[in-house]
């Protein structure tokens, strides 16, 4: 049963029905997907007893190995947004263990979602292979293509995440000193005309770089301001037909 897809008024009725029927409530908790976990943690009416929490834990235990990375990130985000009481922490521990990310390369969003939940535990669970993700993203020159710009943006997001959560690891990777030449060149580069999405990504990356690298902070921030005020390039105008009458130009003059 997907109670998250029901009209709000019907959704409340469905949740009320589940909340009053212990057997159906626990069946839902054992078989729900990420959306169902979201509903359960947002509607504590479905988690009345220890048996309910155990049922949800069983559900997450079986669910996690089936999730792709994007869905796993959603699940960890839901857990991170919940009140980190003992029951939620127990669910998070199940999720971290069953996702089996320890020692594996995952995306930056996945690392961020993992870190947001793993911070609850001491000792911290074994992390994904941050070094492998770093090596996949680290630039060897200033971005020249949209794909390289996207990787650069993800790399700087990863550096920001490590600065917040694992600063000793970021220092061990030699950031920013080891990459000073590339970072400075990026902050000083004159990009060609870019579509708005790429321009926003460049501005966001420069702002992030300004926070991460004191040596070029001012230059990176000023460059982000310059690009923001330049705005997106003008849309190309279709050529006028050869020998045609310039109707649009005449209308503009009226």
C-alpha atoms as a PDB file:
ATOM      1  CA  UNK A   1       0.000   0.000   0.000  1.00  0.00           C
ATOM      2  CA  UNK A   2       1.495   3.364  -1.093  1.00  0.00           C
ATOM      3  CA  UNK A   3      -0.065   5.829   1.324  1.00  0.00           C
ATOM      4  CA  UNK A   4       2.210   8.626   0.103  1.00  0.00           C
ATOM      5  CA  UNK A   5       0.479   8.643  -3.298  1.00  0.00           C
ATOM      6  CA  UNK A   6      -3.027   9.083  -1.921  1.00  0.00           C
ATOM      7  CA  UNK A   7      -4.925  12.395  -1.837  1.00  0.00           C
ATOM      8  CA  UNK A   8      -4.136  14.108   1.516  1.00  0.00           C
ATOM      9  CA  UNK A   9      -7.616  13.574   2.973  1.00  0.00           C
ATOM     10  CA  UNK A  10      -7.646   9.920   1.956  1.00  0.00           C
ATOM     11  CA  UNK A  11      -4.031   9.590   3.054  1.00  0.00           C
ATOM     12  CA  UNK A  12      -4.970  10.565   6.606  1.00  0.00           C
ATOM     13  CA  UNK A  13      -7.831   8.082   6.586  1.00  0.00           C
ATOM     14  CA  UNK A  14      -5.535   5.297   5.383  1.00  0.00           C
ATOM     15  CA  UNK A  15      -2.954   6.128   8.060  1.00  0.00           C
ATOM     16  CA  UNK A  16      -5.678   6.171  10.707  1.00  0.00           C
ATOM     17  CA  UNK A  17      -6.889   2.745   9.550  1.00  0.00           C
ATOM     18  CA  UNK A  18      -3.352   1.353   9.653  1.00  0.00           C
ATOM     19  CA  UNK A  19      -2.671   2.896  13.037  1.00  0.00           C
ATOM     20  CA  UNK A  20      -5.685   1.119  14.553  1.00  0.00           C
ATOM     21  CA  UNK A  21      -4.876  -2.331  13.125  1.00  0.00           C
ATOM     22  CA  UNK A  22      -1.683  -3.742  14.634  1.00  0.00           C
ATOM     23  CA  UNK A  23      -1.378  -6.613  12.163  1.00  0.00           C
ATOM     24  CA  UNK A  24      -1.862  -4.412   9.067  1.00  0.00           C
ATOM     25  CA  UNK A  25       0.353  -1.721  10.546  1.00  0.00           C
ATOM     26  CA  UNK A  26       3.256  -4.110  10.977  1.00  0.00           C
ATOM     27  CA  UNK A  27       2.702  -5.702   7.583  1.00  0.00           C
ATOM     28  CA  UNK A  28       2.986  -2.240   6.019  1.00  0.00           C
ATOM     29  CA  UNK A  29       6.141  -1.440   8.009  1.00  0.00           C
ATOM     30  CA  UNK A  30       7.811  -4.713   6.944  1.00  0.00           C
ATOM     31  CA  UNK A  31       7.107  -4.213   3.235  1.00  0.00           C
ATOM     32  CA  UNK A  32       7.169  -0.460   2.627  1.00  0.00           C
ATOM     33  CA  UNK A  33       9.664   1.282   0.374  1.00  0.00           C
ATOM     34  CA  UNK A  34      11.509   4.537   0.954  1.00  0.00           C
ATOM     35  CA  UNK A  35       8.284   6.529   0.667  1.00  0.00           C
ATOM     36  CA  UNK A  36       6.677   4.292   3.259  1.00  0.00           C
ATOM     37  CA  UNK A  37       9.602   4.805   5.621  1.00  0.00           C
ATOM     38  CA  UNK A  38       9.124   8.546   5.133  1.00  0.00           C
ATOM     39  CA  UNK A  39       5.471   8.261   6.090  1.00  0.00           C
ATOM     40  CA  UNK A  40       6.198   6.034   9.078  1.00  0.00           C
ATOM     41  CA  UNK A  41       8.832   8.358  10.550  1.00  0.00           C
ATOM     42  CA  UNK A  42       6.699  11.409   9.856  1.00  0.00           C
ATOM     43  CA  UNK A  43       3.559   9.804  11.283  1.00  0.00           C
ATOM     44  CA  UNK A  44       4.618   8.277  14.578  1.00  0.00           C
ATOM     45  CA  UNK A  45       1.038   7.008  14.876  1.00  0.00           C
ATOM     46  CA  UNK A  46       2.317   4.015  12.909  1.00  0.00           C
ATOM     47  CA  UNK A  47       5.094   3.369  15.427  1.00  0.00           C
ATOM     48  CA  UNK A  48       3.168   2.765  18.629  1.00  0.00           C
ATOM     49  CA  UNK A  49       5.058  -0.140  20.138  1.00  0.00           C
ATOM     50  CA  UNK A  50       8.475  -1.786  20.138  1.00  0.00           C
ATOM     51  CA  UNK A  51       7.030  -4.403  17.795  1.00  0.00           C
ATOM     52  CA  UNK A  52       6.250  -1.647  15.273  1.00  0.00           C
ATOM     53  CA  UNK A  53       9.820  -0.366  15.368  1.00  0.00           C
ATOM     54  CA  UNK A  54      11.078  -3.934  15.005  1.00  0.00           C
ATOM     55  CA  UNK A  55       8.844  -4.390  11.960  1.00  0.00           C
ATOM     56  CA  UNK A  56      10.216  -1.220  10.360  1.00  0.00           C
ATOM     57  CA  UNK A  57      13.732  -2.379  11.130  1.00  0.00           C
ATOM     58  CA  UNK A  58      12.993  -5.687   9.388  1.00  0.00           C
ATOM     59  CA  UNK A  59      11.637  -3.744   6.432  1.00  0.00           C
ATOM     60  CA  UNK A  60      14.770  -1.603   6.122  1.00  0.00           C
ATOM     61  CA  UNK A  61      16.949  -4.703   6.531  1.00  0.00           C
ATOM     62  CA  UNK A  62      15.356  -6.301   3.461  1.00  0.00           C
ATOM     63  CA  UNK A  63      14.939  -3.053   1.533  1.00  0.00           C
ATOM     64  CA  UNK A  64      18.488  -1.697   1.546  1.00  0.00           C
ATOM     65  CA  UNK A  65      20.195  -4.284  -0.697  1.00  0.00           C
ATOM     66  CA  UNK A  66      17.554  -3.640  -3.380  1.00  0.00           C
ATOM     67  CA  UNK A  67      18.046   0.140  -3.536  1.00  0.00           C
ATOM     68  CA  UNK A  68      20.030   1.940  -6.191  1.00  0.00           C
ATOM     69  CA  UNK A  69      22.296   4.723  -4.991  1.00  0.00           C
ATOM     70  CA  UNK A  70      19.764   7.522  -5.526  1.00  0.00           C
ATOM     71  CA  UNK A  71      17.074   5.698  -3.533  1.00  0.00           C
ATOM     72  CA  UNK A  72      19.589   4.831  -0.819  1.00  0.00           C
ATOM     73  CA  UNK A  73      20.465   8.525  -0.525  1.00  0.00           C
ATOM     74  CA  UNK A  74      16.753   9.302  -0.114  1.00  0.00           C
ATOM     75  CA  UNK A  75      16.489   6.741   2.674  1.00  0.00           C
ATOM     76  CA  UNK A  76      19.504   8.115   4.539  1.00  0.00           C
ATOM     77  CA  UNK A  77      18.185  11.665   4.124  1.00  0.00           C
ATOM     78  CA  UNK A  78      14.857  10.604   5.655  1.00  0.00           C
ATOM     79  CA  UNK A  79      16.667   9.052   8.614  1.00  0.00           C
ATOM     80  CA  UNK A  80      18.938  12.088   9.018  1.00  0.00           C
ATOM     81  CA  UNK A  81      15.915  14.407   9.097  1.00  0.00           C
ATOM     82  CA  UNK A  82      14.182  12.366  11.793  1.00  0.00           C
ATOM     83  CA  UNK A  83      14.697  13.014  15.485  1.00  0.00           C
ATOM     84  CA  UNK A  84      17.815  10.968  16.321  1.00  0.00           C
ATOM     85  CA  UNK A  85      16.338   9.072  19.256  1.00  0.00           C
ATOM     86  CA  UNK A  86      17.429   5.527  20.078  1.00  0.00           C
ATOM     87  CA  UNK A  87      14.871   3.924  17.753  1.00  0.00           C
ATOM     88  CA  UNK A  88      15.874   6.042  14.752  1.00  0.00           C
ATOM     89  CA  UNK A  89      19.562   5.433  15.449  1.00  0.00           C
ATOM     90  CA  UNK A  90      18.876   1.702  15.463  1.00  0.00           C
ATOM     91  CA  UNK A  91      17.229   2.007  12.051  1.00  0.00           C
ATOM     92  CA  UNK A  92      20.155   4.075  10.760  1.00  0.00           C
ATOM     93  CA  UNK A  93      22.621   1.455  11.975  1.00  0.00           C
ATOM     94  CA  UNK A  94      20.711  -1.223  10.058  1.00  0.00           C
ATOM     95  CA  UNK A  95      20.686   0.943   6.920  1.00  0.00           C
ATOM     96  CA  UNK A  96      24.407   1.729   7.040  1.00  0.00           C
ATOM     97  CA  UNK A  97      25.261  -1.919   7.524  1.00  0.00           C
ATOM     98  CA  UNK A  98      22.900  -3.293   4.874  1.00  0.00           C
ATOM     99  CA  UNK A  99      23.819  -0.766   2.173  1.00  0.00           C
ATOM    100  CA  UNK A 100      27.314  -2.294   2.225  1.00  0.00           C
ATOM    101  CA  UNK A 101      29.056   0.887   1.141  1.00  0.00           C
ATOM    102  CA  UNK A 102      32.087   0.318   3.357  1.00  0.00           C
ATOM    103  CA  UNK A 103      35.180   0.468   1.159  1.00  0.00           C
ATOM    104  CA  UNK A 104      33.168   1.175  -2.024  1.00  0.00           C
ATOM    105  CA  UNK A 105      33.299   4.226  -4.264  1.00  0.00           C
ATOM    106  CA  UNK A 106      30.013   6.146  -4.201  1.00  0.00           C
ATOM    107  CA  UNK A 107      28.900   9.564  -5.412  1.00  0.00           C
ATOM    108  CA  UNK A 108      29.219  12.826  -3.523  1.00  0.00           C
ATOM    109  CA  UNK A 109      25.520  12.897  -2.619  1.00  0.00           C
ATOM    110  CA  UNK A 110      25.845   9.390  -1.196  1.00  0.00           C
ATOM    111  CA  UNK A 111      28.900  10.375   0.845  1.00  0.00           C
ATOM    112  CA  UNK A 112      27.044  13.378   2.226  1.00  0.00           C
ATOM    113  CA  UNK A 113      24.002  11.298   3.146  1.00  0.00           C
ATOM    114  CA  UNK A 114      26.222   8.652   4.752  1.00  0.00           C
ATOM    115  CA  UNK A 115      28.133  11.252   6.785  1.00  0.00           C
ATOM    116  CA  UNK A 116      24.930  12.925   8.027  1.00  0.00           C
ATOM    117  CA  UNK A 117      23.846   9.656   9.645  1.00  0.00           C
ATOM    118  CA  UNK A 118      27.226   8.152  10.556  1.00  0.00           C
ATOM    119  CA  UNK A 119      28.033  11.161  12.769  1.00  0.00           C
ATOM    120  CA  UNK A 120      25.576   9.775  15.335  1.00  0.00           C
ATOM    121  CA  UNK A 121      27.844   6.833  16.110  1.00  0.00           C
ATOM    122  CA  UNK A 122      31.041   6.497  18.085  1.00  0.00           C
ATOM    123  CA  UNK A 123      33.029   4.739  16.855  1.00  0.00           C
ATOM    124  CA  UNK A 124      32.011   5.849  13.382  1.00  0.00           C
ATOM    125  CA  UNK A 125      31.082   3.033  10.972  1.00  0.00           C
ATOM    126  CA  UNK A 126      33.595   2.141   8.267  1.00  0.00           C
ATOM    127  CA  UNK A 127      33.124   4.752   5.544  1.00  0.00           C
ATOM    128  CA  UNK A 128      32.800   4.333   1.797  1.00  0.00           C
ATOM    129  CA  UNK A 129      36.015   4.601  -0.214  1.00  0.00           C
ATOM    130  CA  UNK A 130      36.303   8.383  -0.150  1.00  0.00           C
ATOM    131  CA  UNK A 131      39.746   8.228  -1.739  1.00  0.00           C
ATOM    132  CA  UNK A 132      38.425   6.411  -4.793  1.00  0.00           C
ATOM    133  CA  UNK A 133      35.662   8.956  -5.251  1.00  0.00           C
ATOM    134  CA  UNK A 134      38.229  11.730  -4.889  1.00  0.00           C
ATOM    135  CA  UNK A 135      40.491  10.193  -7.537  1.00  0.00           C
ATOM    136  CA  UNK A 136      37.559   9.821  -9.933  1.00  0.00           C
ATOM    137  CA  UNK A 137      36.729  13.526  -9.622  1.00  0.00           C
ATOM    138  CA  UNK A 138      40.017  15.374  -9.096  1.00  0.00           C
ATOM    139  CA  UNK A 139      40.849  17.669 -12.034  1.00  0.00           C
ATOM    140  CA  UNK A 140      44.109  17.701 -13.952  1.00  0.00           C
ATOM    141  CA  UNK A 141      43.445  20.994 -15.712  1.00  0.00           C
ATOM    142  CA  UNK A 142      40.869  23.784 -15.788  1.00  0.00           C
ATOM    143  CA  UNK A 143      37.501  22.469 -17.028  1.00  0.00           C
ATOM    144  CA  UNK A 144      37.127  22.724 -20.806  1.00  0.00           C
ATOM    145  CA  UNK A 145      33.826  20.932 -21.326  1.00  0.00           C
ATOM    146  CA  UNK A 146      30.463  20.864 -19.517  1.00  0.00           C
ATOM    147  CA  UNK A 147      31.271  17.357 -18.275  1.00  0.00           C
ATOM    148  CA  UNK A 148      34.599  18.493 -16.816  1.00  0.00           C
ATOM    149  CA  UNK A 149      32.904  21.479 -15.179  1.00  0.00           C
ATOM    150  CA  UNK A 150      30.369  19.149 -13.559  1.00  0.00           C
ATOM    151  CA  UNK A 151      33.162  16.909 -12.240  1.00  0.00           C
ATOM    152  CA  UNK A 152      34.979  19.968 -10.894  1.00  0.00           C
ATOM    153  CA  UNK A 153      31.798  21.081  -9.136  1.00  0.00           C
ATOM    154  CA  UNK A 154      31.334  17.629  -7.587  1.00  0.00           C
ATOM    155  CA  UNK A 155      34.990  17.574  -6.532  1.00  0.00           C
ATOM    156  CA  UNK A 156      34.635  20.896  -4.737  1.00  0.00           C
ATOM    157  CA  UNK A 157      31.409  19.682  -3.104  1.00  0.00           C
ATOM    158  CA  UNK A 158      33.332  16.651  -1.871  1.00  0.00           C
ATOM    159  CA  UNK A 159      36.106  18.881  -0.529  1.00  0.00           C
ATOM    160  CA  UNK A 160      33.499  20.959   1.319  1.00  0.00           C
ATOM    161  CA  UNK A 161      31.948  17.811   2.788  1.00  0.00           C
ATOM    162  CA  UNK A 162      35.334  16.516   3.953  1.00  0.00           C
ATOM    163  CA  UNK A 163      36.207  19.889   5.452  1.00  0.00           C
ATOM    164  CA  UNK A 164      33.012  19.720   7.521  1.00  0.00           C
ATOM    165  CA  UNK A 165      33.047  16.027   8.452  1.00  0.00           C
ATOM    166  CA  UNK A 166      36.560  14.611   7.938  1.00  0.00           C
ATOM    167  CA  UNK A 167      39.037  17.510   7.902  1.00  0.00           C
ATOM    168  CA  UNK A 168      41.981  15.270   8.689  1.00  0.00           C
ATOM    169  CA  UNK A 169      41.281  13.239   5.542  1.00  0.00           C
ATOM    170  CA  UNK A 170      41.104  16.361   3.404  1.00  0.00           C
ATOM    171  CA  UNK A 171      44.457  17.496   4.792  1.00  0.00           C
ATOM    172  CA  UNK A 172      45.874  14.076   3.957  1.00  0.00           C
ATOM    173  CA  UNK A 173      44.746  14.500   0.362  1.00  0.00           C
ATOM    174  CA  UNK A 174      46.764  17.712   0.157  1.00  0.00           C
ATOM    175  CA  UNK A 175      43.838  20.033  -0.470  1.00  0.00           C
ATOM    176  CA  UNK A 176      44.091  22.854  -1.321  1.00  0.00           C
ATOM    177  CA  UNK A 177      47.887  23.240  -1.442  1.00  0.00           C
ATOM    178  CA  UNK A 178      48.511  20.362  -3.850  1.00  0.00           C
ATOM    179  CA  UNK A 179      45.965  21.757  -6.331  1.00  0.00           C
ATOM    180  CA  UNK A 180      46.775  25.460  -5.971  1.00  0.00           C
ATOM    181  CA  UNK A 181      47.807  25.958  -9.603  1.00  0.00           C
ATOM    182  CA  UNK A 182      44.593  24.452 -11.015  1.00  0.00           C
ATOM    183  CA  UNK A 183      42.397  26.210  -8.451  1.00  0.00           C
ATOM    184  CA  UNK A 184      43.968  29.577  -9.180  1.00  0.00           C
ATOM    185  CA  UNK A 185      43.613  29.044 -12.916  1.00  0.00           C
ATOM    186  CA  UNK A 186      39.958  28.137 -12.447  1.00  0.00           C
ATOM    187  CA  UNK A 187      39.333  31.255 -10.370  1.00  0.00           C
ATOM    188  CA  UNK A 188      40.975  33.432 -13.018  1.00  0.00           C
ATOM    189  CA  UNK A 189      39.628  31.707 -16.130  1.00  0.00           C
ATOM    190  CA  UNK A 190      37.502  33.561 -18.677  1.00  0.00           C
ATOM    191  CA  UNK A 191      34.846  31.025 -19.624  1.00  0.00           C
ATOM    192  CA  UNK A 192      33.209  31.114 -23.037  1.00  0.00           C
ATOM    193  CA  UNK A 193      29.528  31.887 -23.385  1.00  0.00           C
ATOM    194  CA  UNK A 194      27.739  29.212 -21.364  1.00  0.00           C
ATOM    195  CA  UNK A 195      24.095  28.198 -20.994  1.00  0.00           C
ATOM    196  CA  UNK A 196      22.479  29.433 -17.756  1.00  0.00           C
ATOM    197  CA  UNK A 197      22.725  26.027 -16.046  1.00  0.00           C
ATOM    198  CA  UNK A 198      26.468  25.784 -16.607  1.00  0.00           C
ATOM    199  CA  UNK A 199      26.998  29.409 -15.665  1.00  0.00           C
ATOM    200  CA  UNK A 200      25.169  28.869 -12.362  1.00  0.00           C
ATOM    201  CA  UNK A 201      27.251  25.764 -11.702  1.00  0.00           C
ATOM    202  CA  UNK A 202      30.452  27.742 -12.309  1.00  0.00           C
ATOM    203  CA  UNK A 203      29.324  30.557  -9.998  1.00  0.00           C
ATOM    204  CA  UNK A 204      28.353  28.066  -7.285  1.00  0.00           C
ATOM    205  CA  UNK A 205      31.746  26.346  -7.608  1.00  0.00           C
ATOM    206  CA  UNK A 206      33.632  29.634  -7.362  1.00  0.00           C
ATOM    207  CA  UNK A 207      31.674  30.584  -4.246  1.00  0.00           C
ATOM    208  CA  UNK A 208      32.491  27.215  -2.714  1.00  0.00           C
ATOM    209  CA  UNK A 209      36.156  27.596  -3.679  1.00  0.00           C
ATOM    210  CA  UNK A 210      36.233  30.999  -1.985  1.00  0.00           C
ATOM    211  CA  UNK A 211      35.284  29.278   1.275  1.00  0.00           C
ATOM    212  CA  UNK A 212      37.731  26.415   0.851  1.00  0.00           C
ATOM    213  CA  UNK A 213      40.971  28.113  -0.236  1.00  0.00           C
ATOM    214  CA  UNK A 214      42.117  31.181   1.735  1.00  0.00           C
ATOM    215  CA  UNK A 215      44.922  31.856  -0.735  1.00  0.00           C
ATOM    216  CA  UNK A 216      42.560  32.637  -3.602  1.00  0.00           C
ATOM    217  CA  UNK A 217      39.373  33.296  -1.667  1.00  0.00           C
ATOM    218  CA  UNK A 218      39.053  36.952  -2.691  1.00  0.00           C
ATOM    219  CA  UNK A 219      39.743  36.271  -6.365  1.00  0.00           C
ATOM    220  CA  UNK A 220      37.294  33.369  -6.537  1.00  0.00           C
ATOM    221  CA  UNK A 221      34.557  35.328  -4.793  1.00  0.00           C
ATOM    222  CA  UNK A 222      35.057  38.403  -6.977  1.00  0.00           C
ATOM    223  CA  UNK A 223      34.968  36.252 -10.103  1.00  0.00           C
ATOM    224  CA  UNK A 224      31.692  34.696  -8.978  1.00  0.00           C
ATOM    225  CA  UNK A 225      30.233  38.192  -8.533  1.00  0.00           C
ATOM    226  CA  UNK A 226      31.450  39.268 -11.972  1.00  0.00           C
ATOM    227  CA  UNK A 227      29.847  36.255 -13.632  1.00  0.00           C
ATOM    228  CA  UNK A 228      26.616  36.729 -11.722  1.00  0.00           C
ATOM    229  CA  UNK A 229      26.319  40.337 -12.896  1.00  0.00           C
ATOM    230  CA  UNK A 230      27.208  39.436 -16.465  1.00  0.00           C
ATOM    231  CA  UNK A 231      24.126  37.244 -16.616  1.00  0.00           C
ATOM    232  CA  UNK A 232      23.476  34.557 -19.207  1.00  0.00           C
ATOM    233  CA  UNK A 233      24.528  35.133 -22.807  1.00  0.00           C
ATOM    234  CA  UNK A 234      21.846  36.479 -25.137  1.00  0.00           C
ATOM    235  CA  UNK A 235      19.853  33.892 -27.019  1.00  0.00           C
ATOM    236  CA  UNK A 236      20.948  33.578 -30.660  1.00  0.00           C
ATOM    237  CA  UNK A 237      18.662  35.282 -33.137  1.00  0.00           C
ATOM    238  CA  UNK A 238      17.509  33.354 -36.194  1.00  0.00           C
ATOM    239  CA  UNK A 239      18.987  34.715 -39.422  1.00  0.00           C
ATOM    240  CA  UNK A 240      16.750  36.784 -41.641  1.00  0.00           C
ATOM    241  CA  UNK A 241      15.750  35.087 -44.861  1.00  0.00           C
ATOM    242  CA  UNK A 242      17.793  36.233 -47.825  1.00  0.00           C
ATOM    243  CA  UNK A 243      15.902  38.986 -49.628  1.00  0.00           C
ATOM    244  CA  UNK A 244      13.114  38.849 -47.038  1.00  0.00           C
ATOM    245  CA  UNK A 245      11.312  41.805 -45.537  1.00  0.00           C
ATOM    246  CA  UNK A 246      12.494  42.557 -41.945  1.00  0.00           C
ATOM    247  CA  UNK A 247       9.009  42.487 -40.387  1.00  0.00           C
ATOM    248  CA  UNK A 248      10.182  42.116 -36.783  1.00  0.00           C
ATOM    249  CA  UNK A 249      12.560  45.068 -37.079  1.00  0.00           C
ATOM    250  CA  UNK A 250       9.835  47.262 -38.515  1.00  0.00           C
ATOM    251  CA  UNK A 251       7.417  46.269 -35.748  1.00  0.00           C
ATOM    252  CA  UNK A 252      10.021  47.129 -33.091  1.00  0.00           C
ATOM    253  CA  UNK A 253      10.215  50.648 -34.544  1.00  0.00           C
ATOM    254  CA  UNK A 254       6.468  51.261 -34.320  1.00  0.00           C
END
